[in-house]
């Protein structure tokens, strides 16, 4: 544990959490987890079957650790061949973990810089293309199933781009990470990829950071692969004794059962980029069967009066937080909010943090009586996207529902049961805010190229919504969040209010398809909206038109205007 200690200020939930920890000890939860006991999450045969094939992450430090030299050797080989950059084509767990690693560790001298592409925005794909030299860029095609729609589309684009520059040697610039026996493995052989790394098939995507999906990108940037694995193994060993990760899982699960289901992350500087990875792990693992934990990442702390009584604050890197965050946490605890802290944390122990959150999430799933390893509603959203694409291929057009209201270059769409959203953007946002009830959260779902300027605008919008409503807020970039919090949105409790934001950003052909990235992303947004509406979720879609930045500025003005009246 490297001197770490978990401190929990639990308030009224202290008794329930202690009873749960005692129950974990009595039933030998830690030992049974190490033994891959698939009955820890209930006796249902279907859930046990899923769990039985998803517990390989516990053994990843040992099993994949045996391949550490192979991974590092491959990284040295491609650097020696003149590659200076890598672009990872992935979604969900295949993309979030590499992004954390790159942002946390940077790039070692003589190793490859890493860009992660998990956005089907034509502008985003075009920007990555324009920023790289095909003669010096290695492409990492990462998909557990081998058939992820977004990854397949990215691969087709960059394969043709590379082949135009490298000719028959294009395959030397590609490497695949996938499970054994997938279509991606077949494609890699047919195209002559430089290497295919087959991952243990009993490791699920969001639990795959300490497997090839996380460790090959780590090797490419020159991170300490052996150190990540050693830290993960050390944390795994705590399951044999006093285990803070199980205590965290007990705490989060019981607090969620008591209505404190908004897990608000407060991360120290060394782990500042860990939030989106935790967000996916927790949301996709627990958000099902009408319950779940809502992770709130990258939401700056405020005074206690800005929060309702549905929050729990988890600080990782304390001490190590800023004095302002330390003071804010103290005030929150004094005001009666549960506050959980680790006494220390550093980037050189990131492997332990990954393992700790995986253990805690699995334990929280047991408390909530959900299967933390399946993702039924992610598949539902994929099917809805495919249905929209099929309609496009048959008719040559995307569905175009009539706007419920228009204001300048903006248009609003809402389910008929919610009524008309009003005449102006101010009316729409007021109606959106009015949909929220106590215990709800507000989610911004932005299908946009995530430029720094737009992210700042979206963050400002979410904070204004939080301050105005005292509700927790989340921010997802589509389609990335569909493989993350999207499971929680559809499968969790009906306590989310969703603002979908779309725009026109042109198009870019996908080789071998009769639609481009613009149509693909529009189909993903339409499918997402359709599933939310079908499941009775409260949702408003605002289309920004062809100038997303101006549209976001108009939304900011619209939200501020009612507050001043």
Protein backbone atom coordinates (compact mmCIF):
# COMPACT_ATOMS: atom_id res chain seq x y z
CA UNK A 1 0.00 0.00 0.00
CA UNK A 2 3.06 2.27 0.04
CA UNK A 3 1.93 4.00 3.20
CA UNK A 4 -1.55 4.77 1.92
CA UNK A 5 -4.45 4.77 4.32
CA UNK A 6 -8.12 5.14 3.51
CA UNK A 7 -9.98 7.51 5.80
CA UNK A 8 -13.76 7.61 5.61
CA UNK A 9 -16.02 10.25 7.13
CA UNK A 10 -19.38 8.60 6.57
CA UNK A 11 -21.91 10.39 8.74
CA UNK A 12 -25.24 8.59 9.02
CA UNK A 13 -24.05 5.78 6.75
CA UNK A 14 -21.21 4.71 9.08
CA UNK A 15 -23.14 1.85 10.63
CA UNK A 16 -24.28 0.37 7.33
CA UNK A 17 -20.77 0.55 5.89
CA UNK A 18 -19.22 -1.13 8.92
CA UNK A 19 -21.79 -3.91 8.75
CA UNK A 20 -21.02 -4.42 5.09
CA UNK A 21 -17.29 -4.56 5.76
CA UNK A 22 -17.93 -7.13 8.50
CA UNK A 23 -20.06 -9.15 6.07
CA UNK A 24 -17.28 -9.04 3.48
CA UNK A 25 -14.86 -10.36 6.08
CA UNK A 26 -17.23 -13.08 7.28
CA UNK A 27 -17.93 -14.36 3.77
CA UNK A 28 -14.23 -14.10 2.80
CA UNK A 29 -15.06 -11.82 -0.11
CA UNK A 30 -11.41 -11.01 -0.84
CA UNK A 31 -10.26 -14.63 -0.92
CA UNK A 32 -13.22 -15.66 -3.03
CA UNK A 33 -12.55 -12.84 -5.46
CA UNK A 34 -8.95 -14.01 -5.82
CA UNK A 35 -10.31 -17.49 -6.50
CA UNK A 36 -12.59 -16.14 -9.27
CA UNK A 37 -15.78 -17.07 -7.45
CA UNK A 38 -18.50 -16.06 -9.91
CA UNK A 39 -21.23 -16.41 -7.23
CA UNK A 40 -20.15 -13.18 -5.49
CA UNK A 41 -22.70 -11.23 -7.55
CA UNK A 42 -25.67 -13.54 -7.12
CA UNK A 43 -26.85 -16.97 -8.14
CA UNK A 44 -28.44 -16.12 -11.49
CA UNK A 45 -26.86 -18.53 -14.03
CA UNK A 46 -26.64 -15.91 -16.79
CA UNK A 47 -24.80 -13.44 -14.58
CA UNK A 48 -22.53 -16.15 -13.22
CA UNK A 49 -21.63 -17.16 -16.77
CA UNK A 50 -20.63 -13.58 -17.62
CA UNK A 51 -18.63 -13.15 -14.42
CA UNK A 52 -16.85 -16.46 -14.89
CA UNK A 53 -15.36 -15.15 -18.15
CA UNK A 54 -14.52 -11.65 -16.91
CA UNK A 55 -12.24 -12.09 -13.90
CA UNK A 56 -8.91 -12.36 -15.70
CA UNK A 57 -8.04 -8.79 -14.69
CA UNK A 58 -7.16 -10.11 -11.24
CA UNK A 59 -4.36 -12.18 -12.75
CA UNK A 60 -3.25 -9.64 -15.37
CA UNK A 61 -0.18 -8.44 -13.40
CA UNK A 62 1.17 -11.99 -13.51
CA UNK A 63 -0.16 -13.29 -16.82
CA UNK A 64 0.50 -10.17 -18.89
CA UNK A 65 3.54 -9.35 -16.79
CA UNK A 66 5.25 -12.32 -18.37
CA UNK A 67 5.00 -10.42 -21.66
CA UNK A 68 6.45 -7.13 -20.38
CA UNK A 69 9.80 -7.70 -22.10
CA UNK A 70 7.98 -8.51 -25.37
CA UNK A 71 5.99 -5.28 -25.18
CA UNK A 72 9.03 -3.16 -24.38
CA UNK A 73 11.01 -4.88 -27.11
CA UNK A 74 8.33 -4.09 -29.67
CA UNK A 75 8.32 -0.43 -28.59
CA UNK A 76 12.10 -0.24 -29.00
CA UNK A 77 11.84 -1.91 -32.40
CA UNK A 78 9.35 0.56 -33.88
CA UNK A 79 11.20 3.54 -32.41
CA UNK A 80 14.39 2.17 -33.98
CA UNK A 81 12.62 1.97 -37.33
CA UNK A 82 12.00 5.70 -37.29
CA UNK A 83 8.45 5.89 -35.95
CA UNK A 84 7.98 8.98 -33.76
CA UNK A 85 4.22 8.98 -33.20
CA UNK A 86 1.45 6.50 -32.56
CA UNK A 87 -2.28 6.93 -33.04
CA UNK A 88 -4.48 4.60 -31.01
CA UNK A 89 -7.80 3.78 -32.66
CA UNK A 90 -10.12 2.55 -29.91
CA UNK A 91 -13.26 3.09 -27.86
CA UNK A 92 -14.13 2.72 -24.19
CA UNK A 93 -11.60 0.79 -22.17
CA UNK A 94 -9.38 0.47 -25.24
CA UNK A 95 -8.96 4.25 -25.45
CA UNK A 96 -9.48 5.70 -21.96
CA UNK A 97 -6.62 3.84 -20.25
CA UNK A 98 -4.01 4.76 -22.89
CA UNK A 99 -5.11 8.38 -22.65
CA UNK A 100 -4.61 8.36 -18.87
CA UNK A 101 -1.14 6.87 -19.32
CA UNK A 102 -0.08 9.39 -21.96
CA UNK A 103 -1.37 12.38 -20.02
CA UNK A 104 0.11 11.17 -16.74
CA UNK A 105 3.55 10.04 -17.86
CA UNK A 106 4.20 12.08 -20.99
CA UNK A 107 6.70 10.64 -23.48
CA UNK A 108 10.16 9.32 -22.63
CA UNK A 109 13.08 10.45 -24.82
CA UNK A 110 13.36 8.37 -27.98
CA UNK A 111 9.87 6.88 -27.65
CA UNK A 112 6.63 7.52 -29.54
CA UNK A 113 4.20 10.29 -28.76
CA UNK A 114 0.65 8.97 -28.51
CA UNK A 115 -2.64 10.39 -29.76
CA UNK A 116 -5.91 8.66 -28.89
CA UNK A 117 -8.76 8.85 -31.41
CA UNK A 118 -12.19 7.85 -30.12
CA UNK A 119 -14.38 10.53 -31.71
CA UNK A 120 -16.21 9.92 -34.99
CA UNK A 121 -16.61 13.65 -35.66
CA UNK A 122 -15.36 14.23 -39.23
CA UNK A 123 -13.49 17.27 -37.94
CA UNK A 124 -11.79 15.18 -35.23
CA UNK A 125 -10.70 12.46 -37.69
CA UNK A 126 -9.49 15.09 -40.14
CA UNK A 127 -7.54 16.92 -37.43
CA UNK A 128 -5.69 13.76 -36.38
CA UNK A 129 -4.93 12.96 -40.00
CA UNK A 130 -3.52 16.42 -40.69
CA UNK A 131 -1.38 16.40 -37.55
CA UNK A 132 0.59 13.26 -38.45
CA UNK A 133 3.19 12.11 -40.96
CA UNK A 134 2.25 8.74 -42.48
CA UNK A 135 5.92 7.81 -42.78
CA UNK A 136 6.51 8.17 -39.04
CA UNK A 137 3.17 7.20 -37.49
CA UNK A 138 2.31 3.78 -36.03
CA UNK A 139 -1.40 2.92 -35.79
CA UNK A 140 -2.61 0.82 -32.87
CA UNK A 141 -5.98 -0.74 -33.73
CA UNK A 142 -7.53 -1.81 -30.41
CA UNK A 143 -10.79 -3.73 -30.09
CA UNK A 144 -11.58 -6.61 -27.74
CA UNK A 145 -14.42 -7.89 -29.91
CA UNK A 146 -12.57 -7.05 -33.12
CA UNK A 147 -15.71 -5.60 -34.66
CA UNK A 148 -16.24 -2.27 -32.89
CA UNK A 149 -17.94 -0.07 -35.48
CA UNK A 150 -16.00 3.10 -34.70
CA UNK A 151 -12.63 1.32 -34.65
CA UNK A 152 -13.37 -0.43 -37.95
CA UNK A 153 -14.24 2.94 -39.51
CA UNK A 154 -11.09 4.60 -38.18
CA UNK A 155 -8.96 1.71 -39.45
CA UNK A 156 -10.36 1.92 -42.94
CA UNK A 157 -9.65 5.64 -43.15
CA UNK A 158 -6.08 5.45 -41.89
CA UNK A 159 -5.28 2.28 -43.83
CA UNK A 160 -6.07 4.00 -47.12
CA UNK A 161 -4.22 7.13 -45.99
CA UNK A 162 -1.14 5.10 -45.06
CA UNK A 163 -1.29 2.97 -48.18
CA UNK A 164 -1.31 6.09 -50.34
CA UNK A 165 1.96 7.15 -48.71
CA UNK A 166 3.65 3.81 -47.95
CA UNK A 167 2.32 1.55 -50.69
CA UNK A 168 2.69 -2.16 -50.02
CA UNK A 169 4.56 -1.39 -46.79
CA UNK A 170 1.46 0.12 -45.15
CA UNK A 171 1.00 -2.94 -42.92
CA UNK A 172 4.36 -2.27 -41.24
CA UNK A 173 2.74 0.81 -39.68
CA UNK A 174 -0.15 -1.10 -38.07
CA UNK A 175 -0.44 -3.22 -34.95
CA UNK A 176 -3.60 -4.82 -33.54
CA UNK A 177 -4.70 -5.58 -29.98
CA UNK A 178 -7.66 -7.93 -29.78
CA UNK A 179 -8.96 -11.19 -28.32
CA UNK A 180 -8.07 -14.50 -29.98
CA UNK A 181 -10.13 -15.46 -33.02
CA UNK A 182 -11.64 -12.07 -33.88
CA UNK A 183 -12.29 -10.48 -37.26
CA UNK A 184 -9.65 -7.86 -36.42
CA UNK A 185 -7.08 -10.63 -36.08
CA UNK A 186 -8.12 -11.94 -39.49
CA UNK A 187 -7.88 -8.45 -40.98
CA UNK A 188 -4.43 -7.92 -39.47
CA UNK A 189 -3.18 -11.12 -41.12
CA UNK A 190 -4.75 -10.23 -44.45
CA UNK A 191 -3.32 -6.72 -44.47
CA UNK A 192 0.11 -7.77 -43.23
CA UNK A 193 0.08 -5.89 -39.93
CA UNK A 194 3.43 -5.66 -38.22
CA UNK A 195 2.15 -7.50 -35.14
CA UNK A 196 -1.03 -8.69 -33.47
CA UNK A 197 -1.11 -8.85 -29.68
CA UNK A 198 -3.80 -11.27 -28.52
CA UNK A 199 -5.14 -10.40 -25.10
CA UNK A 200 -6.43 -12.91 -22.53
CA UNK A 201 -10.12 -13.29 -23.47
CA UNK A 202 -11.32 -13.35 -19.85
CA UNK A 203 -10.52 -9.64 -19.32
CA UNK A 204 -13.37 -7.23 -20.05
CA UNK A 205 -12.70 -3.97 -21.83
CA UNK A 206 -13.07 -1.58 -18.93
CA UNK A 207 -10.95 -3.83 -16.67
CA UNK A 208 -8.19 -4.18 -19.28
CA UNK A 209 -5.76 -1.41 -18.34
CA UNK A 210 -3.12 -3.80 -16.93
CA UNK A 211 -3.33 -6.00 -20.02
CA UNK A 212 -2.06 -5.49 -23.57
CA UNK A 213 -4.73 -2.84 -24.15
CA UNK A 214 -3.06 -0.53 -21.66
CA UNK A 215 0.49 -1.84 -21.51
CA UNK A 216 1.36 -1.76 -25.21
CA UNK A 217 0.54 1.97 -25.41
CA UNK A 218 2.46 2.41 -22.13
CA UNK A 219 5.48 0.71 -23.69
CA UNK A 220 5.27 2.87 -26.81
CA UNK A 221 5.49 6.10 -24.79
CA UNK A 222 8.31 4.66 -22.67
CA UNK A 223 6.39 4.33 -19.40
CA UNK A 224 7.59 1.89 -16.75
CA UNK A 225 5.56 -1.18 -17.70
CA UNK A 226 7.18 -3.37 -15.04
CA UNK A 227 6.48 -0.73 -12.41
CA UNK A 228 2.79 -0.50 -13.37
CA UNK A 229 2.45 -4.26 -13.13
CA UNK A 230 4.34 -4.48 -9.82
CA UNK A 231 2.14 -1.80 -8.27
CA UNK A 232 -0.97 -3.59 -9.52
CA UNK A 233 0.26 -6.90 -8.10
CA UNK A 234 0.99 -5.26 -4.74
CA UNK A 235 -2.55 -3.89 -4.58
CA UNK A 236 -4.02 -7.25 -5.59
CA UNK A 237 -2.18 -8.86 -2.69
CA UNK A 238 -4.13 -6.72 -0.20
CA UNK A 239 -7.17 -8.90 -0.93
CA UNK A 240 -5.50 -11.51 1.28
CA UNK A 241 -5.71 -9.23 4.32
CA UNK A 242 -6.94 -5.77 5.29
CA UNK A 243 -8.04 -4.32 1.96
CA UNK A 244 -8.82 -0.65 1.51
CA UNK A 245 -10.26 -1.33 -1.94
CA UNK A 246 -12.96 -3.56 -0.45
CA UNK A 247 -13.64 -0.91 2.18
CA UNK A 248 -14.07 1.66 -0.59
CA UNK A 249 -16.42 -0.65 -2.47
CA UNK A 250 -18.45 -1.27 0.68
CA UNK A 251 -18.64 2.47 1.30
CA UNK A 252 -19.65 3.43 -2.22
CA UNK A 253 -22.23 0.66 -2.44
CA UNK A 254 -23.90 1.38 0.88
CA UNK A 255 -23.85 5.13 0.35
CA UNK A 256 -25.53 4.62 -3.04
CA UNK A 257 -28.19 2.45 -1.42
CA UNK A 258 -28.81 5.30 1.04
CA UNK A 259 -29.23 7.85 -1.77
CA UNK A 260 -25.64 9.13 -1.87
CA UNK A 261 -25.11 7.83 -5.38
CA UNK A 262 -23.20 10.79 -6.91
CA UNK A 263 -19.54 9.80 -6.62
CA UNK A 264 -17.67 13.10 -6.91
CA UNK A 265 -13.98 12.62 -7.68
CA UNK A 266 -11.33 14.96 -6.30
CA UNK A 267 -7.93 14.06 -7.73
CA UNK A 268 -4.50 15.34 -6.83
CA UNK A 269 -2.21 16.75 -9.54
CA UNK A 270 -0.30 13.49 -10.07
CA UNK A 271 -3.54 11.67 -10.89
CA UNK A 272 -5.51 14.48 -12.46
CA UNK A 273 -6.20 12.51 -15.64
CA UNK A 274 -7.57 9.41 -13.91
CA UNK A 275 -11.14 10.74 -13.66
CA UNK A 276 -12.58 9.71 -17.06
CA UNK A 277 -11.20 6.19 -16.64
CA UNK A 278 -12.82 5.83 -13.20
CA UNK A 279 -15.99 7.32 -14.64
CA UNK A 280 -16.26 4.60 -17.27
CA UNK A 281 -15.34 1.79 -14.89
CA UNK A 282 -17.90 2.75 -12.25
CA UNK A 283 -20.74 3.89 -14.51
CA UNK A 284 -20.64 0.97 -16.93
CA UNK A 285 -20.14 -1.58 -14.16
CA UNK A 286 -22.86 -0.43 -11.75
CA UNK A 287 -25.43 1.34 -13.97
CA UNK A 288 -27.96 -1.39 -14.66
CA UNK A 289 -31.06 -3.10 -13.26
CA UNK A 290 -32.48 0.32 -12.40
CA UNK A 291 -29.69 1.29 -10.03
CA UNK A 292 -26.13 2.50 -10.13
CA UNK A 293 -23.45 4.93 -9.00
CA UNK A 294 -23.12 8.19 -10.94
CA UNK A 295 -19.44 9.18 -11.17
CA UNK A 296 -18.88 12.93 -11.39
CA UNK A 297 -15.46 13.66 -12.87
CA UNK A 298 -13.73 16.98 -13.54
CA UNK A 299 -16.29 19.06 -11.63
CA UNK A 300 -14.39 21.60 -9.48
CA UNK A 301 -15.30 21.76 -5.80
CA UNK A 302 -17.59 24.46 -4.50
CA UNK A 303 -19.03 25.49 -1.14
CA UNK A 304 -21.40 23.06 0.65
CA UNK A 305 -24.48 25.11 -0.24
CA UNK A 306 -23.99 24.20 -3.93
CA UNK A 307 -24.68 20.52 -3.25
CA UNK A 308 -27.75 18.48 -2.39
CA UNK A 309 -27.66 15.49 -0.02
CA UNK A 310 -26.92 12.90 -2.74
CA UNK A 311 -23.14 13.31 -2.92
CA UNK A 312 -20.12 11.38 -1.71
CA UNK A 313 -16.70 12.92 -2.25
CA UNK A 314 -13.68 10.69 -2.88
CA UNK A 315 -10.30 12.42 -2.77
CA UNK A 316 -7.27 10.59 -4.13
CA UNK A 317 -3.99 12.35 -3.49
CA UNK A 318 -4.58 13.78 -0.06
CA UNK A 319 -2.24 15.19 1.11
CA UNK A 320 -1.17 16.45 -2.26
CA UNK A 321 -4.37 18.29 -3.07
CA UNK A 322 -4.31 22.05 -3.34
CA UNK A 323 -4.93 23.96 -0.09
CA UNK A 324 -8.22 25.19 -1.57
CA UNK A 325 -9.43 21.63 -2.24
CA UNK A 326 -8.31 20.47 1.22
CA UNK A 327 -10.24 23.33 2.82
CA UNK A 328 -13.29 22.65 0.67
CA UNK A 329 -13.30 18.96 1.63
CA UNK A 330 -13.10 19.85 5.30
CA UNK A 331 -16.09 22.16 4.97
CA UNK A 332 -18.03 19.49 3.10
CA UNK A 333 -17.35 16.93 5.83
CA UNK A 334 -18.38 19.41 8.50
CA UNK A 335 -21.60 20.03 6.59
CA UNK A 336 -22.42 16.32 6.77
CA UNK A 337 -21.31 15.13 3.33
CA UNK A 338 -19.45 11.79 3.26
CA UNK A 339 -15.79 12.33 2.41
CA UNK A 340 -13.40 9.45 1.64
CA UNK A 341 -9.65 10.11 1.32
CA UNK A 342 -6.39 8.36 0.61
CA UNK A 343 -3.50 9.77 2.58
CA UNK A 344 -1.06 9.70 -0.33
CA UNK A 345 -0.93 8.99 -4.04
CA UNK A 346 1.63 9.42 -6.79
CA UNK A 347 1.87 8.69 -10.49
CA UNK A 348 4.49 6.00 -9.89
CA UNK A 349 1.78 4.00 -8.10
CA UNK A 350 -0.76 4.37 -10.90
CA UNK A 351 -0.88 0.61 -11.38
CA UNK A 352 -2.10 0.27 -7.80
CA UNK A 353 -4.79 2.88 -8.39
CA UNK A 354 -6.05 0.99 -11.42
CA UNK A 355 -6.27 -2.28 -9.49
CA UNK A 356 -7.77 -0.61 -6.43
CA UNK A 357 -10.63 0.93 -8.38
CA UNK A 358 -11.29 -2.33 -10.21
CA UNK A 359 -11.57 -4.20 -6.90
CA UNK A 360 -13.69 -1.45 -5.34
CA UNK A 361 -16.05 -1.37 -8.31
CA UNK A 362 -16.49 -5.15 -8.28
CA UNK A 363 -17.26 -4.97 -4.56
CA UNK A 364 -19.71 -2.09 -4.99
CA UNK A 365 -21.50 -4.15 -7.63
CA UNK A 366 -21.99 -6.93 -5.08
CA UNK A 367 -23.45 -4.44 -2.60
CA UNK A 368 -25.85 -3.10 -5.24
CA UNK A 369 -26.68 -6.64 -6.41
CA UNK A 370 -25.75 -5.94 -10.04
CA UNK A 371 -23.46 -7.78 -12.44
CA UNK A 372 -20.44 -5.45 -12.80
CA UNK A 373 -19.14 -7.22 -15.90
CA UNK A 374 -21.94 -6.99 -18.46
CA UNK A 375 -23.15 -3.95 -20.43
CA UNK A 376 -26.58 -4.77 -21.89
CA UNK A 377 -27.61 -1.22 -22.74
CA UNK A 378 -24.39 -0.44 -24.58
CA UNK A 379 -25.43 -3.15 -27.02
CA UNK A 380 -28.91 -1.58 -27.19
CA UNK A 381 -27.44 1.77 -28.29
CA UNK A 382 -25.26 0.02 -30.89
CA UNK A 383 -28.33 -1.71 -32.32
CA UNK A 384 -30.18 1.61 -32.53
CA UNK A 385 -27.25 3.14 -34.43
CA UNK A 386 -27.20 0.22 -36.85
CA UNK A 387 -30.94 0.63 -37.44
CA UNK A 388 -30.46 4.31 -38.34
CA UNK A 389 -27.59 3.44 -40.68
CA UNK A 390 -29.67 0.74 -42.34
CA UNK A 391 -32.42 3.27 -42.95
CA UNK A 392 -29.89 5.68 -44.44
CA UNK A 393 -28.57 3.02 -46.82
CA UNK A 394 -32.10 2.15 -47.91
CA UNK A 395 -33.41 5.69 -48.35
CA UNK A 396 -30.30 7.80 -48.80
CA UNK A 397 -31.30 10.11 -45.95
CA UNK A 398 -31.13 10.28 -42.19
CA UNK A 399 -34.38 10.66 -40.22
CA UNK A 400 -35.26 14.34 -39.83
CA UNK A 401 -37.87 14.86 -37.13
CA UNK A 402 -39.55 18.24 -37.03
CA UNK A 403 -37.97 20.65 -34.58
CA UNK A 404 -40.13 21.45 -31.57
CA UNK A 405 -38.78 25.01 -31.65
CA UNK A 406 -36.17 27.15 -33.43
CA UNK A 407 -34.25 30.22 -32.37
CA UNK A 408 -31.87 31.73 -34.89
CA UNK A 409 -29.40 29.05 -35.89
CA UNK A 410 -30.42 26.73 -33.05
CA UNK A 411 -33.12 24.04 -33.10
CA UNK A 412 -34.66 22.10 -30.21
CA UNK A 413 -36.09 18.57 -30.19
CA UNK A 414 -37.94 16.92 -27.30
CA UNK A 415 -40.22 13.92 -26.76
CA UNK A 416 -43.87 14.83 -27.22
CA UNK A 417 -44.68 13.75 -23.66
CA UNK A 418 -42.45 16.56 -22.34
CA UNK A 419 -44.37 19.24 -24.24
CA UNK A 420 -42.97 22.05 -26.39
CA UNK A 421 -39.74 23.52 -24.97
CA UNK A 422 -40.76 27.13 -25.64
CA UNK A 423 -39.92 29.74 -28.25
CA UNK A 424 -36.38 30.77 -27.37
CA UNK A 425 -33.14 29.12 -26.27
CA UNK A 426 -33.71 30.61 -22.83
CA UNK A 427 -37.08 28.86 -22.69
CA UNK A 428 -35.54 25.55 -23.75
CA UNK A 429 -32.89 25.59 -21.05
CA UNK A 430 -35.40 26.71 -18.44
CA UNK A 431 -37.61 23.78 -19.44
CA UNK A 432 -34.62 21.44 -19.29
CA UNK A 433 -33.71 22.62 -15.78
CA UNK A 434 -37.34 22.30 -14.69
CA UNK A 435 -37.29 18.61 -15.56
CA UNK A 436 -34.81 17.89 -12.74
CA UNK A 437 -36.10 16.60 -9.43
CA UNK A 438 -34.30 16.07 -6.11
CA UNK A 439 -31.79 13.25 -6.48
CA UNK A 440 -31.37 13.76 -10.24
CA UNK A 441 -28.24 14.58 -12.19
CA UNK A 442 -27.87 16.67 -15.36
CA UNK A 443 -25.86 15.15 -18.19
CA UNK A 444 -24.46 17.07 -21.16
CA UNK A 445 -23.99 14.76 -24.15
CA UNK A 446 -22.01 16.63 -26.79
CA UNK A 447 -21.53 15.12 -30.25
CA UNK A 448 -18.79 17.58 -31.25
CA UNK A 449 -15.12 17.70 -32.04
CA UNK A 450 -13.69 18.18 -28.55
CA UNK A 451 -11.44 21.19 -29.11
CA UNK A 452 -9.98 22.83 -25.99
CA UNK A 453 -12.21 25.86 -26.54
CA UNK A 454 -15.35 23.77 -26.75
CA UNK A 455 -14.44 21.74 -23.71
CA UNK A 456 -14.03 24.97 -21.75
CA UNK A 457 -17.41 26.20 -22.99
CA UNK A 458 -19.10 22.92 -22.08
CA UNK A 459 -17.47 22.92 -18.65
CA UNK A 460 -18.73 26.44 -18.03
CA UNK A 461 -22.21 25.35 -19.07
CA UNK A 462 -22.23 22.36 -16.73
CA UNK A 463 -20.99 24.42 -13.77
CA UNK A 464 -23.65 27.04 -14.40
CA UNK A 465 -26.26 24.25 -14.37
CA UNK A 466 -24.85 22.85 -11.12
CA UNK A 467 -24.82 26.22 -9.41
CA UNK A 468 -28.32 27.02 -10.57
CA UNK A 469 -29.90 23.68 -9.63
CA UNK A 470 -27.64 22.13 -6.93
CA UNK A 471 -27.72 18.97 -9.05
CA UNK A 472 -24.68 16.89 -9.96
CA UNK A 473 -23.53 17.36 -13.55
CA UNK A 474 -21.66 15.14 -15.99
CA UNK A 475 -20.13 15.84 -19.38
CA UNK A 476 -19.76 13.23 -22.12
CA UNK A 477 -18.33 13.58 -25.62
CA UNK A 478 -20.15 11.41 -28.14
CA UNK A 479 -19.78 8.71 -29.19
CA UNK A 480 -17.07 8.09 -26.58
CA UNK A 481 -19.49 8.17 -23.65
CA UNK A 482 -21.72 5.55 -25.29
CA UNK A 483 -19.06 3.02 -24.26
CA UNK A 484 -18.86 4.52 -20.78
CA UNK A 485 -21.63 6.40 -18.97
CA UNK A 486 -24.08 5.47 -21.74
CA UNK A 487 -24.77 2.20 -19.93
CA UNK A 488 -25.73 4.08 -16.76
CA UNK A 489 -27.92 6.53 -18.69
CA UNK A 490 -30.15 3.78 -20.03
CA UNK A 491 -29.76 0.94 -17.55
CA UNK A 492 -29.42 2.80 -14.26
CA UNK A 493 -32.07 4.59 -12.25
CA UNK A 494 -34.29 7.08 -14.06
CA UNK A 495 -32.59 9.99 -12.32
CA UNK A 496 -30.75 11.52 -15.26
CA UNK A 497 -31.87 14.55 -17.27
CA UNK A 498 -30.06 14.63 -20.61
CA UNK A 499 -29.10 17.57 -22.82
CA UNK A 500 -27.90 16.23 -26.15
CA UNK A 501 -25.91 18.74 -28.21
CA UNK A 502 -25.30 18.13 -31.92
CA UNK A 503 -23.91 20.15 -34.82
CA UNK A 504 -23.03 19.97 -38.49
CA UNK A 505 -19.28 19.48 -39.01
CA UNK A 506 -19.22 18.36 -42.63
CA UNK A 507 -18.43 14.81 -43.68
CA UNK A 508 -15.47 12.59 -44.46
CA UNK A 509 -15.78 9.35 -46.48
CA UNK A 510 -15.24 5.98 -44.84
CA UNK A 511 -13.54 3.71 -47.39
CA UNK A 512 -15.71 0.74 -48.27
CA UNK A 513 -18.90 2.29 -46.88
CA UNK A 514 -21.74 4.21 -48.52
CA UNK A 515 -21.77 6.67 -45.63
CA UNK A 516 -19.11 8.89 -44.10
CA UNK A 517 -18.09 9.85 -40.58
CA UNK A 518 -20.65 12.67 -40.50
CA UNK A 519 -23.49 10.23 -41.17
CA UNK A 520 -22.05 7.72 -38.70
CA UNK A 521 -21.89 10.27 -35.92
CA UNK A 522 -25.37 11.58 -36.71
CA UNK A 523 -26.67 8.00 -36.58
CA UNK A 524 -25.01 7.47 -33.21
CA UNK A 525 -26.61 10.62 -31.81
CA UNK A 526 -30.01 9.66 -33.25
CA UNK A 527 -29.74 6.13 -31.86
CA UNK A 528 -28.71 7.43 -28.45
CA UNK A 529 -31.66 9.83 -28.37
CA UNK A 530 -34.07 7.13 -29.52
CA UNK A 531 -33.05 4.71 -26.75
CA UNK A 532 -33.24 7.44 -24.10
CA UNK A 533 -36.73 8.37 -25.28
CA UNK A 534 -37.85 4.74 -25.51
CA UNK A 535 -36.73 4.16 -21.92
CA UNK A 536 -38.72 7.14 -20.67
CA UNK A 537 -35.71 9.30 -19.93
CA UNK A 538 -36.04 13.08 -19.84
CA UNK A 539 -34.09 14.44 -22.77
CA UNK A 540 -33.71 17.60 -24.82
CA UNK A 541 -31.67 17.81 -28.00
CA UNK A 542 -30.28 21.13 -29.18
CA UNK A 543 -28.76 21.30 -32.65
CA UNK A 544 -26.18 24.05 -32.98
CA UNK A 545 -26.18 24.22 -36.78
CA UNK A 546 -23.01 24.68 -38.78
CA UNK A 547 -21.20 26.92 -36.26
CA UNK A 548 -20.81 24.89 -33.04
CA UNK A 549 -18.76 27.54 -31.26
CA UNK A 550 -21.31 30.27 -31.87
CA UNK A 551 -24.07 27.86 -30.83
CA UNK A 552 -22.34 27.05 -27.54
CA UNK A 553 -21.90 30.76 -26.88
CA UNK A 554 -25.64 31.24 -27.49
CA UNK A 555 -26.43 28.46 -25.01
CA UNK A 556 -24.21 30.10 -22.40
CA UNK A 557 -26.03 33.40 -22.87
CA UNK A 558 -29.37 31.63 -22.73
CA UNK A 559 -28.53 29.95 -19.45
CA UNK A 560 -27.26 33.17 -17.90
CA UNK A 561 -30.19 35.31 -18.97
CA UNK A 562 -32.94 33.65 -16.88
CA UNK A 563 -30.66 33.66 -13.83
CA UNK A 564 -30.49 37.46 -13.98
CA UNK A 565 -34.23 37.98 -14.17
